[in-house]
Structures are given as C-alpha cells and as structure tokens.
C-alpha cells in the first residue's frame, strides 16, 4: 500500500471526519471505499412514481394534477 497526501476543503474534511466517527471507520478507509466504488457508478433503485402517490387518491383531484403529483412539475 502507498501513502499519499490529499488537500481537502475544510467543510469536506469535516464531513468525512463525522462520517468516519459515525461509521467507526478511519477516514482513509472511507476514502478508499469511495474511490473503489464511487456513488455515481452505483445503481440506485428505481422508484415507481405511482408508488409515491399510492393511497392518496381521494376523488378527481389527483387525476386533474397527475403530472404534478407524479413528477413534481
């Protein structure tokens, strides 16, 4: 294993420090984990927009604003 130095903005360093404390891992472990498995490459579970509105149908109001309720537009 090789040692390296990173310069981080104070805010990012504090976020990393807090995450390390909460997860009981070292900051180095968290950085290595993130580099090996970046969040952007991880597949996020797809949420069905209809499940977000399931159970809130009470009359014609939802059908009039279906796009707004489903997609927030």
PDB file of N, CA and C in Angstrom:
ATOM      1  N   UNK A   1       0.853  -1.165   0.000  1.00  0.00           N
ATOM      2  CA  UNK A   1       0.000   0.000   0.000  1.00  0.00           C
ATOM      3  C   UNK A   1       0.902   1.232   0.000  1.00  0.00           C
ATOM      4  N   UNK A   2       0.497   2.255  -0.724  1.00  0.00           N
ATOM      5  CA  UNK A   2       1.258   3.501  -0.817  1.00  0.00           C
ATOM      6  C   UNK A   2       0.571   4.594  -0.022  1.00  0.00           C
ATOM      7  N   UNK A   3       1.348   5.479   0.532  1.00  0.00           N
ATOM      8  CA  UNK A   3       0.823   6.628   1.263  1.00  0.00           C
ATOM      9  C   UNK A   3       0.763   7.818   0.307  1.00  0.00           C
ATOM     10  N   UNK A   4      -0.296   8.607   0.436  1.00  0.00           N
ATOM     11  CA  UNK A   4      -0.427   9.818  -0.383  1.00  0.00           C
ATOM     12  C   UNK A   4      -1.025  10.925   0.465  1.00  0.00           C
ATOM     13  N   UNK A   5      -0.922  12.132  -0.020  1.00  0.00           N
ATOM     14  CA  UNK A   5      -1.456  13.289   0.694  1.00  0.00           C
ATOM     15  C   UNK A   5      -2.559  13.923  -0.138  1.00  0.00           C
ATOM     16  N   UNK A   6      -3.658  14.250   0.511  1.00  0.00           N
ATOM     17  CA  UNK A   6      -4.769  14.937  -0.138  1.00  0.00           C
ATOM     18  C   UNK A   6      -5.011  16.262   0.557  1.00  0.00           C
ATOM     19  N   UNK A   7      -5.332  17.277  -0.216  1.00  0.00           N
ATOM     20  CA  UNK A   7      -5.736  18.562   0.336  1.00  0.00           C
ATOM     21  C   UNK A   7      -7.237  18.689   0.130  1.00  0.00           C
ATOM     22  N   UNK A   8      -7.968  18.792   1.229  1.00  0.00           N
ATOM     23  CA  UNK A   8      -9.425  18.867   1.186  1.00  0.00           C
ATOM     24  C   UNK A   8      -9.891  20.197   1.747  1.00  0.00           C
ATOM     25  N   UNK A   9     -10.960  20.743   1.177  1.00  0.00           N
ATOM     26  CA  UNK A   9     -11.558  21.936   1.793  1.00  0.00           C
ATOM     27  C   UNK A   9     -12.017  21.587   3.214  1.00  0.00           C
ATOM     28  N   UNK A  10     -12.007  22.578   4.086  1.00  0.00           N
ATOM     29  CA  UNK A  10     -12.366  22.352   5.492  1.00  0.00           C
ATOM     30  C   UNK A  10     -13.721  21.674   5.641  1.00  0.00           C
ATOM     31  N   UNK A  11     -14.698  22.119   4.880  1.00  0.00           N
ATOM     32  CA  UNK A  11     -16.057  21.567   5.001  1.00  0.00           C
ATOM     33  C   UNK A  11     -16.084  20.089   4.606  1.00  0.00           C
ATOM     34  N   UNK A  12     -15.409  19.740   3.529  1.00  0.00           N
ATOM     35  CA  UNK A  12     -15.368  18.350   3.092  1.00  0.00           C
ATOM     36  C   UNK A  12     -14.620  17.487   4.108  1.00  0.00           C
ATOM     37  N   UNK A  13     -13.551  18.003   4.658  1.00  0.00           N
ATOM     38  CA  UNK A  13     -12.800  17.270   5.677  1.00  0.00           C
ATOM     39  C   UNK A  13     -13.672  17.005   6.903  1.00  0.00           C
ATOM     40  N   UNK A  14     -14.437  17.996   7.307  1.00  0.00           N
ATOM     41  CA  UNK A  14     -15.312  17.835   8.478  1.00  0.00           C
ATOM     42  C   UNK A  14     -16.402  16.805   8.200  1.00  0.00           C
ATOM     43  N   UNK A  15     -16.974  16.812   6.996  1.00  0.00           N
ATOM     44  CA  UNK A  15     -17.983  15.808   6.645  1.00  0.00           C
ATOM     45  C   UNK A  15     -17.384  14.412   6.687  1.00  0.00           C
ATOM     46  N   UNK A  16     -16.191  14.280   6.157  1.00  0.00           N
ATOM     47  CA  UNK A  16     -15.507  12.992   6.153  1.00  0.00           C
ATOM     48  C   UNK A  16     -15.181  12.547   7.581  1.00  0.00           C
ATOM     49  N   UNK A  17     -14.724  13.466   8.403  1.00  0.00           N
ATOM     50  CA  UNK A  17     -14.400  13.159   9.795  1.00  0.00           C
ATOM     51  C   UNK A  17     -15.638  12.673  10.546  1.00  0.00           C
ATOM     52  N   UNK A  18     -16.769  13.365  10.342  1.00  0.00           N
ATOM     53  CA  UNK A  18     -18.011  12.971  11.015  1.00  0.00           C
ATOM     54  C   UNK A  18     -18.497  11.601  10.536  1.00  0.00           C
ATOM     55  N   UNK A  19     -18.393  11.364   9.236  1.00  0.00           N
ATOM     56  CA  UNK A  19     -18.803  10.059   8.712  1.00  0.00           C
ATOM     57  C   UNK A  19     -17.914   8.952   9.277  1.00  0.00           C
ATOM     58  N   UNK A  20     -16.632   9.212   9.376  1.00  0.00           N
ATOM     59  CA  UNK A  20     -15.705   8.224   9.939  1.00  0.00           C
ATOM     60  C   UNK A  20     -16.063   7.929  11.388  1.00  0.00           C
ATOM     61  N   UNK A  21     -16.390   8.946  12.135  1.00  0.00           N
ATOM     62  CA  UNK A  21     -16.770   8.766  13.539  1.00  0.00           C
ATOM     63  C   UNK A  21     -18.043   7.930  13.647  1.00  0.00           C
ATOM     64  N   UNK A  22     -19.065   8.301  12.846  1.00  0.00           N
ATOM     65  CA  UNK A  22     -20.348   7.582  12.893  1.00  0.00           C
ATOM     66  C   UNK A  22     -20.201   6.120  12.478  1.00  0.00           C
ATOM     67  N   UNK A  23     -19.402   5.873  11.445  1.00  0.00           N
ATOM     68  CA  UNK A  23     -19.283   4.513  10.917  1.00  0.00           C
ATOM     69  C   UNK A  23     -18.189   3.705  11.604  1.00  0.00           C
ATOM     70  N   UNK A  24     -17.446   4.371  12.507  1.00  0.00           N
ATOM     71  CA  UNK A  24     -16.343   3.715  13.222  1.00  0.00           C
ATOM     72  C   UNK A  24     -15.316   3.139  12.257  1.00  0.00           C
ATOM     73  N   UNK A  25     -15.057   3.916  11.211  1.00  0.00           N
ATOM     74  CA  UNK A  25     -14.035   3.568  10.231  1.00  0.00           C
ATOM     75  C   UNK A  25     -13.041   4.721  10.182  1.00  0.00           C
ATOM     76  N   UNK A  26     -11.863   4.441   9.671  1.00  0.00           N
ATOM     77  CA  UNK A  26     -10.907   5.534   9.518  1.00  0.00           C
ATOM     78  C   UNK A  26     -11.278   6.355   8.288  1.00  0.00           C
ATOM     79  N   UNK A  27     -10.825   7.590   8.269  1.00  0.00           N
ATOM     80  CA  UNK A  27     -11.061   8.442   7.108  1.00  0.00           C
ATOM     81  C   UNK A  27     -10.425   7.802   5.874  1.00  0.00           C
ATOM     82  N   UNK A  28      -9.248   7.189   6.038  1.00  0.00           N
ATOM     83  CA  UNK A  28      -8.564   6.540   4.915  1.00  0.00           C
ATOM     84  C   UNK A  28      -9.405   5.396   4.351  1.00  0.00           C
ATOM     85  N   UNK A  29     -10.044   4.623   5.238  1.00  0.00           N
ATOM     86  CA  UNK A  29     -10.895   3.519   4.778  1.00  0.00           C
ATOM     87  C   UNK A  29     -12.063   4.045   3.955  1.00  0.00           C
ATOM     88  N   UNK A  30     -12.662   5.121   4.416  1.00  0.00           N
ATOM     89  CA  UNK A  30     -13.806   5.684   3.702  1.00  0.00           C
ATOM     90  C   UNK A  30     -13.366   6.209   2.336  1.00  0.00           C
ATOM     91  N   UNK A  31     -12.235   6.890   2.284  1.00  0.00           N
ATOM     92  CA  UNK A  31     -11.736   7.411   1.005  1.00  0.00           C
ATOM     93  C   UNK A  31     -11.455   6.261   0.041  1.00  0.00           C
ATOM     94  N   UNK A  32     -10.786   5.203   0.507  1.00  0.00           N
ATOM     95  CA  UNK A  32     -10.503   4.058  -0.363  1.00  0.00           C
ATOM     96  C   UNK A  32     -11.790   3.429  -0.863  1.00  0.00           C
ATOM     97  N   UNK A  33     -12.768   3.270   0.033  1.00  0.00           N
ATOM     98  CA  UNK A  33     -14.042   2.684  -0.344  1.00  0.00           C
ATOM     99  C   UNK A  33     -14.730   3.517  -1.428  1.00  0.00           C
ATOM    100  N   UNK A  34     -14.712   4.824  -1.255  1.00  0.00           N
ATOM    101  CA  UNK A  34     -15.350   5.708  -2.233  1.00  0.00           C
ATOM    102  C   UNK A  34     -14.629   5.675  -3.580  1.00  0.00           C
ATOM    103  N   UNK A  35     -13.316   5.571  -3.557  1.00  0.00           N
ATOM    104  CA  UNK A  35     -12.565   5.521  -4.804  1.00  0.00           C
ATOM    105  C   UNK A  35     -12.796   4.203  -5.542  1.00  0.00           C
ATOM    106  N   UNK A  36     -12.929   3.119  -4.784  1.00  0.00           N
ATOM    107  CA  UNK A  36     -13.178   1.818  -5.399  1.00  0.00           C
ATOM    108  C   UNK A  36     -14.604   1.684  -5.915  1.00  0.00           C
ATOM    109  N   UNK A  37     -15.558   2.268  -5.226  1.00  0.00           N
ATOM    110  CA  UNK A  37     -16.978   2.165  -5.581  1.00  0.00           C
ATOM    111  C   UNK A  37     -17.629   3.540  -5.532  1.00  0.00           C
ATOM    112  N   UNK A  38     -17.361   4.388  -6.523  1.00  0.00           N
ATOM    113  CA  UNK A  38     -17.958   5.726  -6.491  1.00  0.00           C
ATOM    114  C   UNK A  38     -19.486   5.663  -6.480  1.00  0.00           C
ATOM    115  N   UNK A  39     -20.094   6.573  -5.762  1.00  0.00           N
ATOM    116  CA  UNK A  39     -21.555   6.628  -5.656  1.00  0.00           C
ATOM    117  C   UNK A  39     -22.186   6.775  -7.026  1.00  0.00           C
ATOM    118  N   UNK A  40     -21.564   7.555  -7.907  1.00  0.00           N
ATOM    119  CA  UNK A  40     -22.145   7.791  -9.224  1.00  0.00           C
ATOM    120  C   UNK A  40     -22.216   6.516 -10.058  1.00  0.00           C
ATOM    121  N   UNK A  41     -21.351   5.524  -9.765  1.00  0.00           N
ATOM    122  CA  UNK A  41     -21.377   4.267 -10.510  1.00  0.00           C
ATOM    123  C   UNK A  41     -22.341   3.267  -9.913  1.00  0.00           C
ATOM    124  N   UNK A  42     -22.725   3.470  -8.670  1.00  0.00           N
ATOM    125  CA  UNK A  42     -23.645   2.545  -8.028  1.00  0.00           C
ATOM    126  C   UNK A  42     -25.033   2.751  -8.600  1.00  0.00           C
ATOM    127  N   UNK A  43     -25.708   1.656  -8.874  1.00  0.00           N
ATOM    128  CA  UNK A  43     -27.065   1.749  -9.407  1.00  0.00           C
ATOM    129  C   UNK A  43     -28.023   2.071  -8.270  1.00  0.00           C
ATOM    130  N   UNK A  44     -28.804   3.101  -8.471  1.00  0.00           N
ATOM    131  CA  UNK A  44     -29.818   3.469  -7.488  1.00  0.00           C
ATOM    132  C   UNK A  44     -31.096   2.714  -7.822  1.00  0.00           C
ATOM    133  N   UNK A  45     -31.767   2.215  -6.811  1.00  0.00           N
ATOM    134  CA  UNK A  45     -33.022   1.519  -7.099  1.00  0.00           C
ATOM    135  C   UNK A  45     -34.032   2.488  -7.700  1.00  0.00           C
ATOM    136  N   UNK A  46     -34.681   2.049  -8.748  1.00  0.00           N
ATOM    137  CA  UNK A  46     -35.664   2.894  -9.423  1.00  0.00           C
ATOM    138  C   UNK A  46     -36.965   2.855  -8.637  1.00  0.00           C
ATOM    139  N   UNK A  47     -37.486   4.016  -8.338  1.00  0.00           N
ATOM    140  CA  UNK A  47     -38.735   4.120  -7.594  1.00  0.00           C
ATOM    141  C   UNK A  47     -39.859   4.379  -8.580  1.00  0.00           C
ATOM    142  N   UNK A  48     -40.862   3.554  -8.539  1.00  0.00           N
ATOM    143  CA  UNK A  48     -42.025   3.726  -9.406  1.00  0.00           C
ATOM    144  C   UNK A  48     -42.788   4.965  -8.952  1.00  0.00           C
ATOM    145  N   UNK A  49     -42.964   5.958  -9.850  1.00  0.00           N
ATOM    146  CA  UNK A  49     -43.668   7.176  -9.441  1.00  0.00           C
ATOM    147  C   UNK A  49     -45.089   6.918  -8.951  1.00  0.00           C
ATOM    148  N   UNK A  50     -45.718   5.870  -9.446  1.00  0.00           N
ATOM    149  CA  UNK A  50     -47.085   5.569  -8.996  1.00  0.00           C
ATOM    150  C   UNK A  50     -47.096   5.128  -7.541  1.00  0.00           C
ATOM    151  N   UNK A  51     -46.015   4.484  -7.078  1.00  0.00           N
ATOM    152  CA  UNK A  51     -45.969   4.071  -5.674  1.00  0.00           C
ATOM    153  C   UNK A  51     -45.875   5.279  -4.749  1.00  0.00           C
ATOM    154  N   UNK A  52     -45.308   6.388  -5.251  1.00  0.00           N
ATOM    155  CA  UNK A  52     -45.220   7.583  -4.424  1.00  0.00           C
ATOM    156  C   UNK A  52     -46.593   8.159  -4.115  1.00  0.00           C
ATOM    157  N   UNK A  53     -47.550   7.968  -5.025  1.00  0.00           N
ATOM    158  CA  UNK A  53     -48.876   8.547  -4.816  1.00  0.00           C
ATOM    159  C   UNK A  53     -49.918   7.504  -4.436  1.00  0.00           C
ATOM    160  N   UNK A  54     -49.497   6.253  -4.292  1.00  0.00           N
ATOM    161  CA  UNK A  54     -50.449   5.193  -3.943  1.00  0.00           C
ATOM    162  C   UNK A  54     -51.115   5.502  -2.609  1.00  0.00           C
ATOM    163  N   UNK A  55     -52.414   5.376  -2.582  1.00  0.00           N
ATOM    164  CA  UNK A  55     -53.155   5.553  -1.346  1.00  0.00           C
ATOM    165  C   UNK A  55     -53.595   6.978  -1.065  1.00  0.00           C
ATOM    166  N   UNK A  56     -53.227   7.936  -1.923  1.00  0.00           N
ATOM    167  CA  UNK A  56     -53.653   9.308  -1.657  1.00  0.00           C
ATOM    168  C   UNK A  56     -54.799   9.739  -2.558  1.00  0.00           C
ATOM    169  N   UNK A  57     -55.304   8.820  -3.369  1.00  0.00           N
ATOM    170  CA  UNK A  57     -56.399   9.150  -4.284  1.00  0.00           C
ATOM    171  C   UNK A  57     -57.686   9.344  -3.488  1.00  0.00           C
ATOM    172  N   UNK A  58     -58.194  10.528  -3.542  1.00  0.00           N
ATOM    173  CA  UNK A  58     -59.467  10.840  -2.876  1.00  0.00           C
ATOM    174  C   UNK A  58     -60.298  11.700  -3.822  1.00  0.00           C
ATOM    175  N   UNK A  59     -60.878  11.061  -4.800  1.00  0.00           N
ATOM    176  CA  UNK A  59     -61.707  11.786  -5.742  1.00  0.00           C
ATOM    177  C   UNK A  59     -60.934  12.239  -6.973  1.00  0.00           C
ATOM    178  N   UNK A  60     -61.493  13.167  -7.743  1.00  0.00           N
ATOM    179  CA  UNK A  60     -60.926  13.559  -9.037  1.00  0.00           C
ATOM    180  C   UNK A  60     -59.723  14.506  -8.945  1.00  0.00           C
ATOM    181  N   UNK A  61     -59.387  14.979  -7.770  1.00  0.00           N
ATOM    182  CA  UNK A  61     -58.320  15.970  -7.635  1.00  0.00           C
ATOM    183  C   UNK A  61     -56.998  15.445  -8.166  1.00  0.00           C
ATOM    184  N   UNK A  62     -56.633  14.218  -7.828  1.00  0.00           N
ATOM    185  CA  UNK A  62     -55.364  13.655  -8.275  1.00  0.00           C
ATOM    186  C   UNK A  62     -55.330  13.548  -9.793  1.00  0.00           C
ATOM    187  N   UNK A  63     -56.414  13.092 -10.408  1.00  0.00           N
ATOM    188  CA  UNK A  63     -56.402  12.920 -11.855  1.00  0.00           C
ATOM    189  C   UNK A  63     -56.262  14.254 -12.584  1.00  0.00           C
ATOM    190  N   UNK A  64     -56.692  15.337 -11.980  1.00  0.00           N
ATOM    191  CA  UNK A  64     -56.546  16.651 -12.604  1.00  0.00           C
ATOM    192  C   UNK A  64     -55.100  17.140 -12.545  1.00  0.00           C
ATOM    193  N   UNK A  65     -54.351  16.700 -11.536  1.00  0.00           N
ATOM    194  CA  UNK A  65     -52.972  17.168 -11.356  1.00  0.00           C
ATOM    195  C   UNK A  65     -51.992  15.997 -11.359  1.00  0.00           C
ATOM    196  N   UNK A  66     -52.261  14.976 -12.167  1.00  0.00           N
ATOM    197  CA  UNK A  66     -51.476  13.746 -12.120  1.00  0.00           C
ATOM    198  C   UNK A  66     -49.990  13.993 -12.394  1.00  0.00           C
ATOM    199  N   UNK A  67     -49.665  14.831 -13.404  1.00  0.00           N
ATOM    200  CA  UNK A  67     -48.258  15.085 -13.717  1.00  0.00           C
ATOM    201  C   UNK A  67     -47.547  15.779 -12.561  1.00  0.00           C
ATOM    202  N   UNK A  68     -48.218  16.721 -11.942  1.00  0.00           N
ATOM    203  CA  UNK A  68     -47.623  17.408 -10.805  1.00  0.00           C
ATOM    204  C   UNK A  68     -47.387  16.462  -9.648  1.00  0.00           C
ATOM    205  N   UNK A  69     -48.346  15.586  -9.369  1.00  0.00           N
ATOM    206  CA  UNK A  69     -48.210  14.639  -8.269  1.00  0.00           C
ATOM    207  C   UNK A  69     -47.126  13.602  -8.540  1.00  0.00           C
ATOM    208  N   UNK A  70     -47.015  13.149  -9.794  1.00  0.00           N
ATOM    209  CA  UNK A  70     -46.039  12.122 -10.124  1.00  0.00           C
ATOM    210  C   UNK A  70     -44.631  12.660 -10.302  1.00  0.00           C
ATOM    211  N   UNK A  71     -44.518  13.796 -10.976  1.00  0.00           N
ATOM    212  CA  UNK A  71     -43.194  14.287 -11.378  1.00  0.00           C
ATOM    213  C   UNK A  71     -42.803  15.594 -10.753  1.00  0.00           C
ATOM    214  N   UNK A  72     -43.678  16.193  -9.976  1.00  0.00           N
ATOM    215  CA  UNK A  72     -43.355  17.433  -9.299  1.00  0.00           C
ATOM    216  C   UNK A  72     -43.324  18.649 -10.205  1.00  0.00           C
ATOM    217  N   UNK A  73     -43.893  18.581 -11.361  1.00  0.00           N
ATOM    218  CA  UNK A  73     -43.911  19.731 -12.293  1.00  0.00           C
ATOM    219  C   UNK A  73     -45.175  20.524 -12.179  1.00  0.00           C
TER     220      UNK A  73
END
